[in-house]
N, C-alpha and C. Protein backbone atom coordinates (compact mmCIF):
# COMPACT_ATOMS: atom_id res chain seq x y z
N MET A 1 -32.25 -122.94 60.80
CA MET A 1 -31.26 -123.03 61.81
C MET A 1 -32.20 -123.74 63.00
N THR A 2 -33.52 -123.90 63.12
CA THR A 2 -33.84 -124.80 64.15
C THR A 2 -34.00 -125.97 63.91
N ARG A 3 -34.13 -126.28 62.66
CA ARG A 3 -34.08 -127.81 62.19
C ARG A 3 -32.82 -128.12 62.11
N ALA A 4 -31.57 -127.49 62.03
CA ALA A 4 -30.43 -128.03 62.38
C ALA A 4 -29.88 -128.32 63.56
N ALA A 5 -30.54 -127.45 64.03
CA ALA A 5 -30.37 -127.60 65.91
C ALA A 5 -30.78 -128.88 66.55
N LEU A 6 -32.30 -129.15 65.96
CA LEU A 6 -32.76 -130.50 66.60
C LEU A 6 -32.49 -131.55 65.70
N PHE A 7 -31.78 -131.49 64.66
CA PHE A 7 -31.13 -132.67 64.21
C PHE A 7 -29.91 -132.93 65.00
N ILE A 8 -28.94 -131.78 65.46
CA ILE A 8 -28.03 -132.09 66.21
C ILE A 8 -28.28 -132.84 67.63
N ILE A 9 -29.43 -132.28 68.37
CA ILE A 9 -29.89 -132.50 69.53
C ILE A 9 -30.11 -134.09 69.07
N PHE A 10 -31.19 -134.35 68.59
CA PHE A 10 -31.76 -135.67 68.48
C PHE A 10 -30.60 -136.52 67.69
N THR A 11 -29.61 -136.43 66.87
CA THR A 11 -28.66 -137.20 66.58
C THR A 11 -27.66 -137.41 68.07
N LEU A 12 -27.50 -136.62 69.03
CA LEU A 12 -26.54 -136.78 69.83
C LEU A 12 -27.38 -137.96 70.87
N PHE A 13 -28.57 -137.74 71.43
CA PHE A 13 -29.78 -138.53 71.83
C PHE A 13 -29.42 -139.79 71.09
N PHE A 14 -29.72 -139.81 69.88
CA PHE A 14 -29.72 -141.60 69.10
C PHE A 14 -28.26 -142.10 69.57
N LEU A 15 -27.32 -141.17 69.25
CA LEU A 15 -25.94 -141.89 69.51
C LEU A 15 -25.84 -142.37 70.98
N ARG A 16 -26.27 -141.55 71.70
CA ARG A 16 -25.87 -142.05 73.00
C ARG A 16 -26.55 -143.23 73.32
N ILE A 17 -28.08 -143.62 72.87
CA ILE A 17 -28.74 -144.70 73.29
C ILE A 17 -28.05 -145.84 72.29
N SER A 18 -27.63 -145.16 71.33
CA SER A 18 -27.26 -146.68 70.38
C SER A 18 -25.61 -146.81 70.10
N TRP A 19 -24.78 -146.13 71.41
CA TRP A 19 -23.73 -146.15 71.32
C TRP A 19 -22.80 -147.85 71.06
N LYS A 20 -23.22 -148.63 72.16
CA LYS A 20 -22.84 -150.20 72.44
C LYS A 20 -23.25 -150.38 70.76
N SER A 21 -24.53 -150.42 70.40
CA SER A 21 -24.44 -150.96 68.83
C SER A 21 -23.76 -150.41 67.79
N LEU A 22 -23.64 -149.24 67.77
CA LEU A 22 -22.68 -148.68 66.66
C LEU A 22 -21.18 -149.49 66.91
N ALA A 23 -20.74 -149.88 68.10
CA ALA A 23 -19.43 -150.29 68.24
C ALA A 23 -19.49 -151.87 67.70
N ASN A 24 -20.51 -152.36 67.52
CA ASN A 24 -20.74 -153.85 67.06
C ASN A 24 -21.64 -153.74 66.03
N PRO A 25 -20.93 -153.92 64.89
CA PRO A 25 -22.17 -153.75 63.40
C PRO A 25 -22.89 -154.79 63.04
N GLY A 26 -22.69 -155.92 64.07
CA GLY A 26 -23.18 -157.24 63.43
C GLY A 26 -24.73 -157.39 64.26
N THR A 27 -24.77 -156.27 65.12
CA THR A 27 -26.34 -156.52 65.83
C THR A 27 -27.47 -155.47 65.24
N HIS A 28 -28.56 -156.00 65.71
CA HIS A 28 -30.04 -155.51 65.26
C HIS A 28 -29.67 -153.91 65.41
N GLY A 29 -28.90 -153.66 66.23
CA GLY A 29 -29.23 -152.02 67.00
C GLY A 29 -28.35 -151.11 65.81
N PHE A 30 -27.36 -151.57 65.43
CA PHE A 30 -26.57 -150.67 64.53
C PHE A 30 -27.42 -150.35 63.31
N TYR A 31 -28.25 -151.18 62.87
CA TYR A 31 -28.97 -151.07 61.61
C TYR A 31 -30.19 -149.93 61.94
N ARG A 32 -30.76 -150.17 63.35
CA ARG A 32 -31.57 -149.37 63.79
C ARG A 32 -31.30 -147.76 63.58
N PHE A 33 -30.19 -147.60 64.48
CA PHE A 33 -29.69 -146.24 64.35
C PHE A 33 -30.02 -145.61 63.34
N PHE A 34 -29.62 -146.01 61.79
CA PHE A 34 -29.71 -145.07 60.75
C PHE A 34 -31.48 -145.52 60.58
N VAL A 35 -32.19 -146.12 61.14
CA VAL A 35 -33.72 -146.11 60.84
C VAL A 35 -33.91 -144.32 61.66
N PHE A 36 -33.50 -144.74 62.74
CA PHE A 36 -33.91 -143.52 64.08
C PHE A 36 -33.32 -142.12 63.21
N GLU A 37 -32.31 -142.13 62.12
CA GLU A 37 -31.47 -140.97 61.85
C GLU A 37 -32.45 -140.59 60.48
N GLY A 38 -33.07 -141.56 59.96
CA GLY A 38 -33.77 -141.26 58.62
C GLY A 38 -35.07 -140.86 58.84
N VAL A 39 -35.87 -141.20 59.80
CA VAL A 39 -37.03 -141.06 60.19
C VAL A 39 -36.67 -139.46 60.79
N LEU A 40 -35.95 -139.36 61.53
CA LEU A 40 -35.73 -137.75 62.06
C LEU A 40 -35.65 -136.64 61.15
N LEU A 41 -34.84 -136.98 60.20
CA LEU A 41 -34.47 -136.16 58.73
C LEU A 41 -35.81 -136.08 57.92
N LEU A 42 -36.81 -137.30 58.05
CA LEU A 42 -37.81 -137.00 57.10
C LEU A 42 -38.80 -136.07 58.08
N LEU A 43 -38.92 -136.45 59.30
CA LEU A 43 -39.68 -135.46 60.12
C LEU A 43 -39.32 -133.87 60.03
N LEU A 44 -37.87 -133.89 60.33
CA LEU A 44 -37.63 -132.39 59.99
C LEU A 44 -37.44 -131.79 58.61
N MET A 45 -37.65 -132.57 57.59
CA MET A 45 -38.07 -131.76 56.58
C MET A 45 -39.21 -131.69 55.94
N ASN A 46 -40.04 -132.83 56.63
CA ASN A 46 -41.63 -132.47 56.11
C ASN A 46 -42.58 -131.95 57.18
N HIS A 47 -42.28 -131.31 58.25
CA HIS A 47 -43.07 -130.96 59.28
C HIS A 47 -44.32 -129.53 58.88
N LYS A 48 -42.94 -128.85 57.82
CA LYS A 48 -43.88 -127.78 57.31
C LYS A 48 -45.10 -128.14 56.35
N TYR A 49 -45.44 -129.28 56.23
CA TYR A 49 -46.34 -129.53 55.07
C TYR A 49 -47.43 -130.78 55.95
N TRP A 50 -47.17 -130.88 57.14
CA TRP A 50 -48.13 -131.56 57.84
C TRP A 50 -49.62 -131.20 57.52
N PHE A 51 -49.91 -129.71 57.76
CA PHE A 51 -51.02 -129.27 57.89
C PHE A 51 -51.90 -128.71 56.12
N HIS A 52 -51.01 -128.90 55.27
CA HIS A 52 -51.17 -128.43 54.21
C HIS A 52 -52.24 -129.28 53.25
N ASP A 53 -53.53 -129.08 52.93
CA ASP A 53 -54.37 -129.66 52.22
C ASP A 53 -54.32 -131.36 52.90
N PRO A 54 -54.70 -131.02 54.99
CA PRO A 54 -55.07 -132.33 55.23
C PRO A 54 -55.89 -133.24 55.05
N PHE A 55 -56.65 -132.89 54.03
CA PHE A 55 -57.81 -133.93 53.65
C PHE A 55 -57.33 -134.53 52.35
N SER A 56 -56.40 -134.33 51.52
CA SER A 56 -56.34 -135.06 50.24
C SER A 56 -55.92 -136.26 50.52
N THR A 57 -56.34 -137.19 49.71
CA THR A 57 -55.93 -138.65 49.59
C THR A 57 -54.39 -138.96 50.38
N LEU A 58 -53.74 -138.43 49.63
CA LEU A 58 -52.48 -138.85 50.21
C LEU A 58 -52.39 -138.34 51.78
N HIS A 59 -52.70 -137.15 52.24
CA HIS A 59 -52.41 -136.65 53.53
C HIS A 59 -53.65 -137.76 54.03
N LEU A 60 -54.48 -137.93 53.65
CA LEU A 60 -55.36 -139.05 54.60
C LEU A 60 -54.40 -140.47 54.58
N LEU A 61 -53.89 -140.81 53.63
CA LEU A 61 -53.33 -141.97 53.86
C LEU A 61 -52.22 -141.77 55.19
N SER A 62 -51.28 -140.79 54.98
CA SER A 62 -50.22 -140.51 55.83
C SER A 62 -51.01 -140.41 57.44
N TRP A 63 -52.15 -139.91 57.50
CA TRP A 63 -52.64 -139.91 58.78
C TRP A 63 -53.09 -141.25 59.46
N PHE A 64 -53.63 -141.97 58.33
CA PHE A 64 -53.65 -143.41 58.83
C PHE A 64 -52.47 -144.34 58.82
N LEU A 65 -51.48 -143.97 58.56
CA LEU A 65 -50.07 -144.49 58.63
C LEU A 65 -49.82 -144.04 59.94
N LEU A 66 -49.80 -142.85 60.46
CA LEU A 66 -48.90 -142.24 61.53
C LEU A 66 -50.00 -142.69 62.91
N LEU A 67 -51.39 -142.73 62.79
CA LEU A 67 -52.17 -143.43 63.78
C LEU A 67 -51.73 -144.63 64.07
N ALA A 68 -51.85 -145.56 62.87
CA ALA A 68 -51.04 -146.81 62.96
C ALA A 68 -49.69 -146.87 63.92
N SER A 69 -49.07 -146.23 63.51
CA SER A 69 -47.70 -146.16 64.03
C SER A 69 -47.76 -146.00 65.36
N ILE A 70 -48.75 -144.94 65.89
CA ILE A 70 -48.81 -144.86 67.52
C ILE A 70 -49.69 -146.59 68.02
N PHE A 71 -50.56 -146.54 67.30
CA PHE A 71 -51.00 -147.89 68.10
C PHE A 71 -50.16 -149.31 67.94
N PHE A 72 -49.35 -149.18 67.18
CA PHE A 72 -48.40 -150.40 67.16
C PHE A 72 -47.37 -150.42 68.23
N ILE A 73 -46.79 -149.11 68.46
CA ILE A 73 -45.82 -148.96 69.41
C ILE A 73 -46.16 -148.76 70.81
N VAL A 74 -47.48 -148.76 71.18
CA VAL A 74 -47.97 -148.13 72.61
C VAL A 74 -48.14 -150.04 72.74
N GLN A 75 -49.00 -150.51 72.10
CA GLN A 75 -49.38 -152.14 71.98
C GLN A 75 -48.34 -152.94 72.16
N SER A 76 -47.22 -152.98 71.28
CA SER A 76 -46.10 -153.64 71.38
C SER A 76 -45.57 -153.76 72.62
N LEU A 77 -45.35 -152.44 73.11
CA LEU A 77 -44.86 -152.43 74.42
C LEU A 77 -45.28 -153.01 75.48
N LEU A 78 -46.59 -152.47 75.41
CA LEU A 78 -47.66 -153.30 76.76
C LEU A 78 -47.58 -154.76 76.57
N ILE A 79 -48.10 -155.28 75.50
CA ILE A 79 -47.79 -156.81 75.51
C ILE A 79 -46.14 -157.77 75.45
N LEU A 80 -45.56 -156.53 75.14
CA LEU A 80 -44.11 -157.32 75.48
C LEU A 80 -43.64 -157.09 77.07
N LYS A 81 -44.01 -155.95 77.51
CA LYS A 81 -43.73 -155.84 79.05
C LYS A 81 -44.73 -157.23 79.41
N ARG A 82 -46.03 -157.21 79.09
CA ARG A 82 -46.65 -158.02 79.99
C ARG A 82 -46.33 -159.75 79.80
N GLU A 83 -45.97 -159.94 78.64
CA GLU A 83 -45.71 -161.63 78.18
C GLU A 83 -44.43 -161.76 78.08
N GLY A 84 -43.39 -160.89 77.68
CA GLY A 84 -41.94 -161.38 77.43
C GLY A 84 -41.15 -162.02 78.57
N GLY A 85 -41.37 -161.33 79.57
CA GLY A 85 -40.61 -161.84 80.56
C GLY A 85 -39.03 -161.05 80.56
N HIS A 86 -38.51 -160.97 81.56
CA HIS A 86 -37.10 -160.40 81.52
C HIS A 86 -35.87 -161.16 81.76
N GLY A 87 -35.21 -161.10 81.35
CA GLY A 87 -33.32 -161.56 81.49
C GLY A 87 -32.46 -160.94 80.92
N THR A 88 -31.54 -161.77 81.10
CA THR A 88 -29.83 -160.96 80.78
C THR A 88 -29.54 -161.87 79.77
N ARG A 89 -29.40 -160.94 78.65
CA ARG A 89 -28.44 -161.92 77.67
C ARG A 89 -26.98 -161.30 77.50
N HIS A 90 -26.22 -161.94 78.27
CA HIS A 90 -24.68 -161.96 78.39
C HIS A 90 -23.90 -161.75 76.93
N GLU A 91 -24.81 -162.17 76.00
CA GLU A 91 -23.97 -162.17 74.59
C GLU A 91 -24.66 -161.32 73.65
N MET A 92 -25.50 -160.29 74.35
CA MET A 92 -26.21 -159.26 73.92
C MET A 92 -26.31 -158.08 74.57
N PRO A 93 -24.83 -157.63 74.98
CA PRO A 93 -24.83 -156.43 75.93
C PRO A 93 -25.44 -155.06 75.51
N GLU A 94 -25.68 -155.06 73.85
CA GLU A 94 -26.19 -153.87 72.91
C GLU A 94 -27.50 -153.62 73.33
N ASN A 95 -28.06 -154.73 73.78
CA ASN A 95 -29.66 -154.57 73.94
C ASN A 95 -30.20 -153.80 74.76
N PHE A 96 -31.51 -153.03 74.65
CA PHE A 96 -32.12 -152.34 75.71
C PHE A 96 -32.96 -153.03 76.45
N SER A 97 -33.20 -153.10 77.88
CA SER A 97 -33.43 -154.03 78.66
C SER A 97 -34.64 -154.43 78.64
N PHE A 98 -35.70 -153.96 77.54
CA PHE A 98 -36.71 -154.36 77.21
C PHE A 98 -36.79 -155.43 76.26
N GLU A 99 -35.72 -155.33 75.40
CA GLU A 99 -35.59 -156.19 74.51
C GLU A 99 -35.22 -157.78 74.76
N ASN A 100 -34.63 -157.67 76.19
CA ASN A 100 -33.88 -159.22 76.54
C ASN A 100 -35.27 -159.80 76.98
N THR A 101 -36.26 -160.35 76.41
CA THR A 101 -37.09 -161.16 76.81
C THR A 101 -36.77 -162.64 76.85
N VAL A 102 -37.58 -163.28 77.68
CA VAL A 102 -37.25 -164.81 77.76
C VAL A 102 -38.10 -165.61 77.13
N HIS A 103 -39.19 -164.81 76.93
CA HIS A 103 -40.48 -165.90 76.19
C HIS A 103 -40.85 -165.54 74.74
N VAL A 104 -41.00 -166.07 73.88
CA VAL A 104 -41.52 -165.60 72.45
C VAL A 104 -42.92 -164.96 72.84
N VAL A 105 -42.94 -164.02 72.13
CA VAL A 105 -44.50 -163.50 72.73
C VAL A 105 -44.98 -163.68 71.51
N GLU A 106 -46.26 -164.09 71.51
CA GLU A 106 -47.35 -164.69 70.37
C GLU A 106 -48.71 -164.29 70.63
N ARG A 107 -49.06 -163.01 71.31
CA ARG A 107 -50.14 -162.68 71.67
C ARG A 107 -50.61 -161.32 71.07
N GLY A 108 -51.69 -160.32 70.71
CA GLY A 108 -51.74 -159.18 70.29
C GLY A 108 -51.44 -159.10 69.08
N LEU A 109 -50.63 -158.22 68.79
CA LEU A 109 -50.04 -157.76 67.86
C LEU A 109 -48.69 -158.93 67.24
N TYR A 110 -48.14 -159.43 68.35
CA TYR A 110 -47.20 -160.54 67.97
C TYR A 110 -48.20 -161.63 67.39
N LYS A 111 -48.80 -161.78 67.36
CA LYS A 111 -49.84 -162.99 66.84
C LYS A 111 -49.64 -162.99 65.30
N TYR A 112 -49.67 -161.77 64.82
CA TYR A 112 -49.62 -161.55 63.13
C TYR A 112 -48.59 -160.78 62.62
N VAL A 113 -47.57 -160.23 63.41
CA VAL A 113 -46.31 -159.93 63.07
C VAL A 113 -45.18 -160.01 63.96
N ARG A 114 -44.00 -160.17 63.78
CA ARG A 114 -42.62 -160.51 64.63
C ARG A 114 -42.25 -159.14 65.05
N HIS A 115 -42.36 -157.93 64.35
CA HIS A 115 -41.64 -156.79 64.70
C HIS A 115 -42.76 -155.60 64.45
N PRO A 116 -43.80 -155.57 65.63
CA PRO A 116 -44.55 -154.21 65.49
C PRO A 116 -43.74 -153.37 65.97
N MET A 117 -42.75 -152.99 66.91
CA MET A 117 -41.80 -151.82 66.93
C MET A 117 -41.43 -151.34 65.77
N TYR A 118 -40.71 -152.04 64.97
CA TYR A 118 -40.58 -152.03 63.61
C TYR A 118 -41.74 -151.58 62.59
N SER A 119 -42.36 -152.40 62.73
CA SER A 119 -44.01 -151.67 62.19
C SER A 119 -44.32 -150.28 62.23
N SER A 120 -44.37 -149.81 63.78
CA SER A 120 -44.39 -148.51 63.82
C SER A 120 -43.39 -147.78 63.54
N LEU A 121 -42.20 -147.86 63.48
CA LEU A 121 -41.10 -147.03 62.83
C LEU A 121 -41.38 -146.87 61.14
N LEU A 122 -41.85 -147.99 60.64
CA LEU A 122 -41.97 -148.08 59.24
C LEU A 122 -43.53 -147.60 58.96
N PHE A 123 -44.63 -147.71 59.55
CA PHE A 123 -45.68 -146.59 59.67
C PHE A 123 -45.40 -144.89 59.45
N LEU A 124 -44.49 -144.79 60.56
CA LEU A 124 -44.07 -143.50 60.92
C LEU A 124 -43.39 -143.07 60.10
N ALA A 125 -42.48 -143.33 59.20
CA ALA A 125 -41.68 -143.24 58.28
C ALA A 125 -42.47 -142.94 57.18
N TRP A 126 -43.34 -143.80 56.77
CA TRP A 126 -44.05 -143.86 55.69
C TRP A 126 -45.19 -142.81 55.35
N GLY A 127 -46.07 -142.60 56.53
CA GLY A 127 -46.72 -141.53 56.76
C GLY A 127 -46.19 -140.02 56.88
N THR A 128 -44.78 -139.88 57.15
CA THR A 128 -43.98 -138.77 56.93
C THR A 128 -43.88 -138.56 55.58
N PHE A 129 -43.31 -139.41 54.84
CA PHE A 129 -43.04 -139.71 53.62
C PHE A 129 -44.16 -138.90 52.81
N PHE A 130 -45.65 -139.59 52.93
CA PHE A 130 -46.58 -139.10 52.30
C PHE A 130 -47.03 -137.59 52.30
N LYS A 131 -46.54 -137.08 53.56
CA LYS A 131 -46.92 -135.54 53.72
C LYS A 131 -46.24 -134.62 52.45
N HIS A 132 -45.22 -135.04 51.65
CA HIS A 132 -44.27 -134.42 51.24
C HIS A 132 -43.61 -135.16 50.35
N ILE A 133 -43.98 -135.29 49.03
CA ILE A 133 -42.98 -136.56 48.19
C ILE A 133 -42.10 -135.78 47.10
N ASN A 134 -41.04 -136.13 47.15
CA ASN A 134 -39.56 -135.22 46.42
C ASN A 134 -38.77 -136.61 46.37
N ALA A 135 -38.18 -136.18 45.38
CA ALA A 135 -36.73 -136.91 45.02
C ALA A 135 -35.85 -137.21 46.57
N VAL A 136 -35.59 -136.31 47.54
CA VAL A 136 -34.74 -136.56 48.60
C VAL A 136 -35.55 -137.06 49.40
N ASN A 137 -36.94 -137.34 49.83
CA ASN A 137 -37.81 -138.26 50.50
C ASN A 137 -37.88 -139.37 49.95
N ILE A 138 -37.86 -139.53 48.71
CA ILE A 138 -37.78 -140.84 48.01
C ILE A 138 -36.61 -141.68 48.68
N ALA A 139 -35.65 -141.06 48.21
CA ALA A 139 -34.27 -141.92 48.58
C ALA A 139 -34.15 -142.13 49.96
N LEU A 140 -34.65 -141.17 51.01
CA LEU A 140 -34.74 -141.37 52.27
C LEU A 140 -35.45 -142.37 52.67
N ILE A 141 -36.71 -142.98 52.26
CA ILE A 141 -38.03 -143.39 52.78
C ILE A 141 -37.58 -144.98 51.95
N PHE A 142 -36.42 -145.28 51.01
CA PHE A 142 -35.90 -146.45 50.56
C PHE A 142 -34.80 -146.75 51.46
N MET A 143 -34.15 -145.91 51.94
CA MET A 143 -32.90 -145.95 52.62
C MET A 143 -33.61 -146.38 53.80
N ILE A 144 -34.64 -145.87 54.96
CA ILE A 144 -35.21 -146.37 55.92
C ILE A 144 -35.62 -147.66 55.97
N SER A 145 -36.45 -147.80 54.67
CA SER A 145 -36.96 -149.35 54.49
C SER A 145 -36.19 -150.24 54.46
N PHE A 146 -34.80 -149.79 53.78
CA PHE A 146 -33.62 -151.25 53.77
C PHE A 146 -33.46 -151.04 54.77
N PHE A 147 -32.97 -150.04 56.05
CA PHE A 147 -32.29 -150.54 57.01
C PHE A 147 -33.11 -150.93 58.26
N LEU A 148 -34.47 -150.88 58.20
CA LEU A 148 -35.74 -151.53 58.95
C LEU A 148 -35.59 -153.03 58.50
N ILE A 149 -35.78 -153.26 57.47
CA ILE A 149 -35.47 -154.76 56.71
C ILE A 149 -34.44 -155.21 57.77
N THR A 150 -33.03 -154.79 57.28
CA THR A 150 -31.68 -155.30 57.34
C THR A 150 -31.82 -155.60 59.11
N SER A 151 -32.17 -154.73 59.73
CA SER A 151 -32.41 -154.90 61.45
C SER A 151 -33.15 -155.79 61.63
N ALA A 152 -34.14 -155.92 60.99
CA ALA A 152 -35.33 -156.97 61.61
C ALA A 152 -34.81 -158.71 61.11
N LYS A 153 -34.08 -158.82 59.97
CA LYS A 153 -33.53 -159.89 59.64
C LYS A 153 -32.22 -160.10 60.66
N VAL A 154 -31.71 -159.25 60.92
CA VAL A 154 -30.73 -159.49 61.85
C VAL A 154 -31.00 -159.85 63.03
N GLU A 155 -32.19 -159.10 63.69
CA GLU A 155 -32.84 -159.63 64.86
C GLU A 155 -33.15 -160.94 64.74
N GLU A 156 -33.45 -161.07 63.83
CA GLU A 156 -34.53 -162.55 63.89
C GLU A 156 -33.26 -163.98 64.21
N GLN A 157 -32.17 -163.11 63.34
CA GLN A 157 -30.85 -164.38 63.86
C GLN A 157 -30.67 -164.47 65.28
N GLU A 158 -30.61 -163.07 65.45
CA GLU A 158 -30.37 -163.36 67.16
C GLU A 158 -31.35 -164.21 67.68
N ASN A 159 -32.69 -163.93 67.50
CA ASN A 159 -33.83 -164.93 68.04
C ASN A 159 -33.70 -166.12 68.13
N LEU A 160 -33.01 -166.53 66.85
CA LEU A 160 -33.28 -168.03 66.47
C LEU A 160 -31.93 -168.41 67.32
N ARG A 161 -30.85 -167.60 67.27
CA ARG A 161 -29.73 -168.29 68.38
C ARG A 161 -30.10 -168.27 69.79
N PHE A 162 -31.04 -167.59 70.34
CA PHE A 162 -31.25 -167.33 71.69
C PHE A 162 -32.46 -168.35 71.79
N PHE A 163 -33.59 -168.53 71.18
CA PHE A 163 -34.90 -169.14 71.25
C PHE A 163 -35.01 -170.62 70.82
N GLY A 164 -34.44 -170.76 69.76
CA GLY A 164 -34.13 -172.08 69.14
C GLY A 164 -35.34 -172.07 68.06
N PRO A 165 -35.65 -173.44 67.78
CA PRO A 165 -36.73 -174.11 67.07
C PRO A 165 -38.00 -173.39 67.06
N LYS A 166 -38.39 -172.75 68.39
CA LYS A 166 -39.46 -172.04 68.65
C LYS A 166 -39.73 -170.86 67.93
N TYR A 167 -38.76 -170.19 67.90
CA TYR A 167 -38.78 -168.81 67.07
C TYR A 167 -38.92 -169.31 65.65
N LYS A 168 -38.23 -170.20 65.01
CA LYS A 168 -38.30 -170.74 63.47
C LYS A 168 -39.92 -170.94 63.51
N GLU A 169 -40.47 -171.82 64.19
CA GLU A 169 -41.79 -171.93 63.99
C GLU A 169 -42.92 -170.47 64.05
N TYR A 170 -42.53 -169.77 65.20
CA TYR A 170 -43.09 -168.53 65.19
C TYR A 170 -43.07 -167.55 63.95
N MET A 171 -41.56 -167.56 63.44
CA MET A 171 -41.57 -167.01 62.14
C MET A 171 -42.53 -167.49 61.11
N GLN A 172 -42.83 -168.87 60.83
CA GLN A 172 -43.37 -169.31 59.85
C GLN A 172 -44.86 -168.92 59.73
N ARG A 173 -45.37 -168.67 60.86
CA ARG A 173 -46.98 -168.22 61.32
C ARG A 173 -47.06 -166.87 61.13
N THR A 174 -45.79 -166.03 61.15
CA THR A 174 -46.35 -164.60 61.19
C THR A 174 -45.43 -163.65 60.05
N LYS A 175 -46.04 -162.65 60.04
CA LYS A 175 -45.22 -162.05 58.96
C LYS A 175 -44.44 -160.96 59.56
N MET A 176 -43.62 -159.95 58.80
CA MET A 176 -42.69 -159.40 59.33
C MET A 176 -43.09 -157.95 60.09
N PHE A 177 -43.66 -157.34 59.09
CA PHE A 177 -44.25 -156.21 59.35
C PHE A 177 -45.36 -155.79 59.60
N ILE A 178 -46.32 -156.34 58.41
CA ILE A 178 -47.81 -155.89 58.28
C ILE A 178 -48.37 -157.40 57.99
N PRO A 179 -49.68 -157.33 59.02
CA PRO A 179 -50.33 -158.35 59.25
C PRO A 179 -51.00 -158.81 57.85
N TYR A 180 -50.78 -160.33 57.46
CA TYR A 180 -51.27 -160.66 56.56
C TYR A 180 -50.45 -160.32 55.29
N ILE A 181 -49.69 -159.34 55.09
CA ILE A 181 -49.14 -158.86 54.13
C ILE A 181 -47.55 -158.86 53.99
N PHE A 182 -46.93 -158.51 54.82
CA PHE A 182 -45.31 -158.77 54.79
C PHE A 182 -44.62 -158.39 56.08
């Protein structure tokens, strides 16, 4: 009962913050909503397994990914705020205000990955997945990964339109989510 109530409460919150994006399926925020929902489901379904056998190999991998998730979100928000500048993108009214940067950020984590906030979501999802692996969670983790990649690719097209060749050059020097790997 509690998990169902939490799912409804958080879904309403995600609907509230994603409302504009859900009305425009061509935006990255549309796909990001489904990432939020998938991660929420994984968290709610796996929370009871978080401290079962916490030093097993899978749980240690899970803890590493969860810590990486925290590091990536904190660092990327700080760097984006400091380096990105702020503007209004009239062609992108769906964006959160912090997304409306006016400079391509290439410092800190952004020197290695284009989407460290999505990396954070990816690490959170996979870290939660490794707490308890079953068929439903396997389907969820692949769905989340698919929607994250789709969201990033759509956002890259938006950034190419906004920043032009500078963003294309940036894309060639960086990975999407994981430094030096992917």
